[in-house]
């Protein structure tokens, strides 16, 4: 491969990378960022749901564990 072709391929790659980061910057300008209040409310909601799901899984595990234990000891 000639030096000229290698240089043009590197230049094309550099242009693609540059365009990629410009596109990212432009897309981030379109984002509607949440206010602090919205962020706090959303975070609390997510944590509460995670806690509730954890409790449901814990209770289900305990019940199924007892059921299996009862079945195997009969």
Protein backbone atom coordinates (compact mmCIF):
# COMPACT_ATOMS: atom_id res chain seq x y z
CA UNK A 1 0.00 0.00 0.00
CA UNK A 2 1.41 3.38 -0.91
CA UNK A 3 2.09 6.03 1.68
CA UNK A 4 -0.45 8.34 0.02
CA UNK A 5 -3.26 5.80 0.28
CA UNK A 6 -2.42 5.07 3.92
CA UNK A 7 -2.47 8.79 4.74
CA UNK A 8 -5.84 9.30 3.04
CA UNK A 9 -7.32 6.30 4.89
CA UNK A 10 -6.10 7.73 8.20
CA UNK A 11 -7.52 11.14 7.28
CA UNK A 12 -10.88 9.54 6.42
CA UNK A 13 -10.87 7.68 9.73
CA UNK A 14 -10.04 10.91 11.56
CA UNK A 15 -12.93 12.65 9.80
CA UNK A 16 -15.33 9.86 10.79
CA UNK A 17 -14.23 10.01 14.42
CA UNK A 18 -14.50 13.80 14.44
CA UNK A 19 -17.99 13.66 12.92
CA UNK A 20 -19.01 11.02 15.47
CA UNK A 21 -18.12 13.27 18.41
CA UNK A 22 -19.76 16.31 16.76
CA UNK A 23 -22.95 14.26 16.34
CA UNK A 24 -22.82 13.24 20.00
CA UNK A 25 -22.46 16.88 21.03
CA UNK A 26 -25.41 17.89 18.84
CA UNK A 27 -27.62 15.09 20.21
CA UNK A 28 -26.80 16.05 23.80
CA UNK A 29 -28.00 19.58 23.06
CA UNK A 30 -31.43 18.11 22.23
CA UNK A 31 -31.75 16.27 25.55
CA UNK A 32 -34.22 17.69 28.03
CA UNK A 33 -32.37 17.35 31.31
CA UNK A 34 -34.48 16.80 34.45
CA UNK A 35 -34.61 19.38 37.20
CA UNK A 36 -33.15 18.53 40.58
CA UNK A 37 -36.65 17.98 41.99
CA UNK A 38 -37.57 15.57 39.19
CA UNK A 39 -34.29 13.71 39.65
CA UNK A 40 -34.81 13.31 43.40
CA UNK A 41 -38.41 12.11 42.95
CA UNK A 42 -37.40 9.61 40.28
CA UNK A 43 -34.51 8.32 42.38
CA UNK A 44 -36.74 7.84 45.41
CA UNK A 45 -39.33 6.04 43.26
CA UNK A 46 -36.73 3.68 41.82
CA UNK A 47 -35.28 2.89 45.25
CA UNK A 48 -38.74 2.26 46.71
CA UNK A 49 -39.70 -0.08 43.86
CA UNK A 50 -36.38 -1.95 44.21
CA UNK A 51 -37.01 -2.34 47.94
CA UNK A 52 -40.56 -3.62 47.39
CA UNK A 53 -39.47 -6.11 44.74
CA UNK A 54 -36.70 -7.28 47.07
CA UNK A 55 -39.22 -7.86 49.86
CA UNK A 56 -41.53 -9.79 47.51
CA UNK A 57 -38.65 -11.99 46.34
CA UNK A 58 -37.50 -12.54 49.94
CA UNK A 59 -40.99 -13.57 51.09
CA UNK A 60 -41.47 -15.82 48.04
CA UNK A 61 -38.11 -17.46 48.67
CA UNK A 62 -38.96 -18.07 52.33
CA UNK A 63 -42.35 -19.58 51.47
CA UNK A 64 -40.97 -21.78 48.70
CA UNK A 65 -38.08 -22.84 50.92
CA UNK A 66 -40.48 -23.93 53.65
CA UNK A 67 -42.65 -25.71 51.07
CA UNK A 68 -39.67 -27.64 49.70
CA UNK A 69 -38.48 -28.44 53.22
CA UNK A 70 -41.97 -29.67 54.17
CA UNK A 71 -42.20 -31.76 50.97
CA UNK A 72 -38.79 -33.39 51.44
CA UNK A 73 -39.36 -34.24 55.12
CA UNK A 74 -42.68 -36.01 54.52
